[in-house]
Amino acid sequence: MGALRWHTKNIVIGTLRNWSRTALEWNLASDPRYALHTRLGAVGALGGVTIGATVKHRRGAAGPSGGVTIKATIERNPGYYLMAHSAKFIRPGSARVHSKRGRSASQRDLSDAGVADGDGGHE
């Protein structure tokens, strides 16, 4: 199962189906090696974005940088898109409402959750 699909099923829909009011990703951002910055953190936890840098060396270039160019890189990961998409449709003030899984085999494999927005509409 792909990362976006897993996160959608377990983080967004899974927490809503268990009547949670909050869904969290472990990291907001990670470095390119997904290195731990907390004691006992989740090994290899992919952040919402990966922040890194590319370094280019130019031979014979003069100047204050000594021929080195450093460029910041930001890579958006599945957690970024998951939270952005969820936040667009599940607005502050929304409430979890009952939803019933289907009875057929194909419907049981479909994860679902119902949310009513603050205006009384449903998402």
Foldseek 3Di string as FASTA:
>chain_A
DDPLVVCCQCQPLVCLVVFHPDGDAQAQEAEPCNDDPDVPGDPPRHHQKYKYKDKDADPPDDDPVNRIDIDIDIGGDSVVVSVVVCCVFADPQKGWDDDDFDDDPVRNVDGDTWIQHNVRHID
